[in-house]
Amino acid sequence: MSTSPQNGKPDASQSADDEAQTGSDETFTTDVSETDDEGTTVREAEVRADDLSEVKPADGDKS
């Protein structure tokens, strides 16, 4: 017996992976500002044009 997501719908992570593979490959570079207790840092990031999600996350990302 195999298990599948409820309602036959993929979970969010599967949907994101599918979109990344079948979505638009159009990207651009923009500035991203990140604020924490130490202040604000601005860096360049490559993002997808359709949803502004980051293509290549920064190294040392706090996950």
C-alpha atoms as a PDB file:
ATOM      1  CA  MET A   1       0.000   0.000   0.000  1.00  0.00           C
ATOM      2  CA  SER A   2       1.518   3.298  -1.049  1.00  0.00           C
ATOM      3  CA  THR A   3       0.925   6.571   0.715  1.00  0.00           C
ATOM      4  CA  SER A   4      -0.044   9.738  -1.093  1.00  0.00           C
ATOM      5  CA  PRO A   5      -0.837  13.284  -0.012  1.00  0.00           C
ATOM      6  CA  GLN A   6      -4.407  13.957   1.080  1.00  0.00           C
ATOM      7  CA  ASN A   7      -6.840  15.110  -1.604  1.00  0.00           C
ATOM      8  CA  GLY A   8      -4.385  13.985  -4.286  1.00  0.00           C
ATOM      9  CA  LYS A   9      -2.580  17.314  -4.086  1.00  0.00           C
ATOM     10  CA  PRO A  10       1.213  17.490  -3.697  1.00  0.00           C
ATOM     11  CA  ASP A  11       2.549  19.186  -0.595  1.00  0.00           C
ATOM     12  CA  ALA A  12       4.078  22.661  -0.850  1.00  0.00           C
ATOM     13  CA  SER A  13       7.662  21.450  -1.269  1.00  0.00           C
ATOM     14  CA  GLN A  14       6.713  19.188  -4.168  1.00  0.00           C
ATOM     15  CA  SER A  15       4.843  22.018  -5.860  1.00  0.00           C
ATOM     16  CA  ALA A  16       7.825  24.335  -5.488  1.00  0.00           C
ATOM     17  CA  ASP A  17      10.148  21.721  -6.989  1.00  0.00           C
ATOM     18  CA  ASP A  18       7.788  21.131  -9.915  1.00  0.00           C
ATOM     19  CA  GLU A  19       7.491  24.869 -10.553  1.00  0.00           C
ATOM     20  CA  ALA A  20      11.240  25.294 -10.520  1.00  0.00           C
ATOM     21  CA  GLN A  21      11.588  22.626 -13.191  1.00  0.00           C
ATOM     22  CA  THR A  22       8.694  23.678 -15.425  1.00  0.00           C
ATOM     23  CA  GLY A  23       8.483  27.407 -14.658  1.00  0.00           C
ATOM     24  CA  SER A  24      10.051  30.297 -16.461  1.00  0.00           C
ATOM     25  CA  ASP A  25      13.838  30.393 -16.509  1.00  0.00           C
ATOM     26  CA  GLU A  26      13.844  34.185 -16.736  1.00  0.00           C
ATOM     27  CA  THR A  27      15.897  35.669 -13.896  1.00  0.00           C
ATOM     28  CA  PHE A  28      17.491  38.984 -13.006  1.00  0.00           C
ATOM     29  CA  THR A  29      19.845  40.361 -10.385  1.00  0.00           C
ATOM     30  CA  THR A  30      18.535  42.716  -7.720  1.00  0.00           C
ATOM     31  CA  ASP A  31      19.506  44.060  -4.314  1.00  0.00           C
ATOM     32  CA  VAL A  32      18.142  42.256  -1.269  1.00  0.00           C
ATOM     33  CA  SER A  33      18.147  43.886   2.160  1.00  0.00           C
ATOM     34  CA  GLU A  34      18.140  41.764   5.294  1.00  0.00           C
ATOM     35  CA  THR A  35      17.663  43.241   8.749  1.00  0.00           C
ATOM     36  CA  ASP A  36      18.631  41.564  12.007  1.00  0.00           C
ATOM     37  CA  ASP A  37      19.719  42.577  15.516  1.00  0.00           C
ATOM     38  CA  GLU A  38      23.055  43.820  14.167  1.00  0.00           C
ATOM     39  CA  GLY A  39      21.561  46.099  11.520  1.00  0.00           C
ATOM     40  CA  THR A  40      20.707  45.934   7.828  1.00  0.00           C
ATOM     41  CA  THR A  41      22.781  44.185   5.186  1.00  0.00           C
ATOM     42  CA  VAL A  42      22.298  44.732   1.458  1.00  0.00           C
ATOM     43  CA  ARG A  43      23.491  42.125  -1.041  1.00  0.00           C
ATOM     44  CA  GLU A  44      22.923  41.196  -4.668  1.00  0.00           C
ATOM     45  CA  ALA A  45      20.831  38.128  -5.451  1.00  0.00           C
ATOM     46  CA  GLU A  46      19.598  36.435  -8.599  1.00  0.00           C
ATOM     47  CA  VAL A  47      15.809  36.031  -8.494  1.00  0.00           C
ATOM     48  CA  ARG A  48      13.130  34.514 -10.721  1.00  0.00           C
ATOM     49  CA  ALA A  49      11.124  37.101 -12.640  1.00  0.00           C
ATOM     50  CA  ASP A  50       7.764  35.391 -12.049  1.00  0.00           C
ATOM     51  CA  ASP A  51       7.787  35.118  -8.229  1.00  0.00           C
ATOM     52  CA  LEU A  52      10.982  36.878  -7.042  1.00  0.00           C
ATOM     53  CA  SER A  53      12.228  33.719  -5.294  1.00  0.00           C
ATOM     54  CA  GLU A  54      15.989  33.541  -4.969  1.00  0.00           C
ATOM     55  CA  VAL A  55      17.708  31.246  -7.471  1.00  0.00           C
ATOM     56  CA  LYS A  56      21.015  30.866  -5.623  1.00  0.00           C
ATOM     57  CA  PRO A  57      20.609  31.422  -1.860  1.00  0.00           C
ATOM     58  CA  ALA A  58      23.554  33.003  -0.049  1.00  0.00           C
ATOM     59  CA  ASP A  59      26.152  30.720   1.513  1.00  0.00           C
ATOM     60  CA  GLY A  60      25.826  30.223   5.247  1.00  0.00           C
ATOM     61  CA  ASP A  61      22.074  30.669   5.145  1.00  0.00           C
ATOM     62  CA  LYS A  62      20.473  30.371   8.609  1.00  0.00           C
ATOM     63  CA  SER A  63      18.017  27.502   8.180  1.00  0.00           C
END
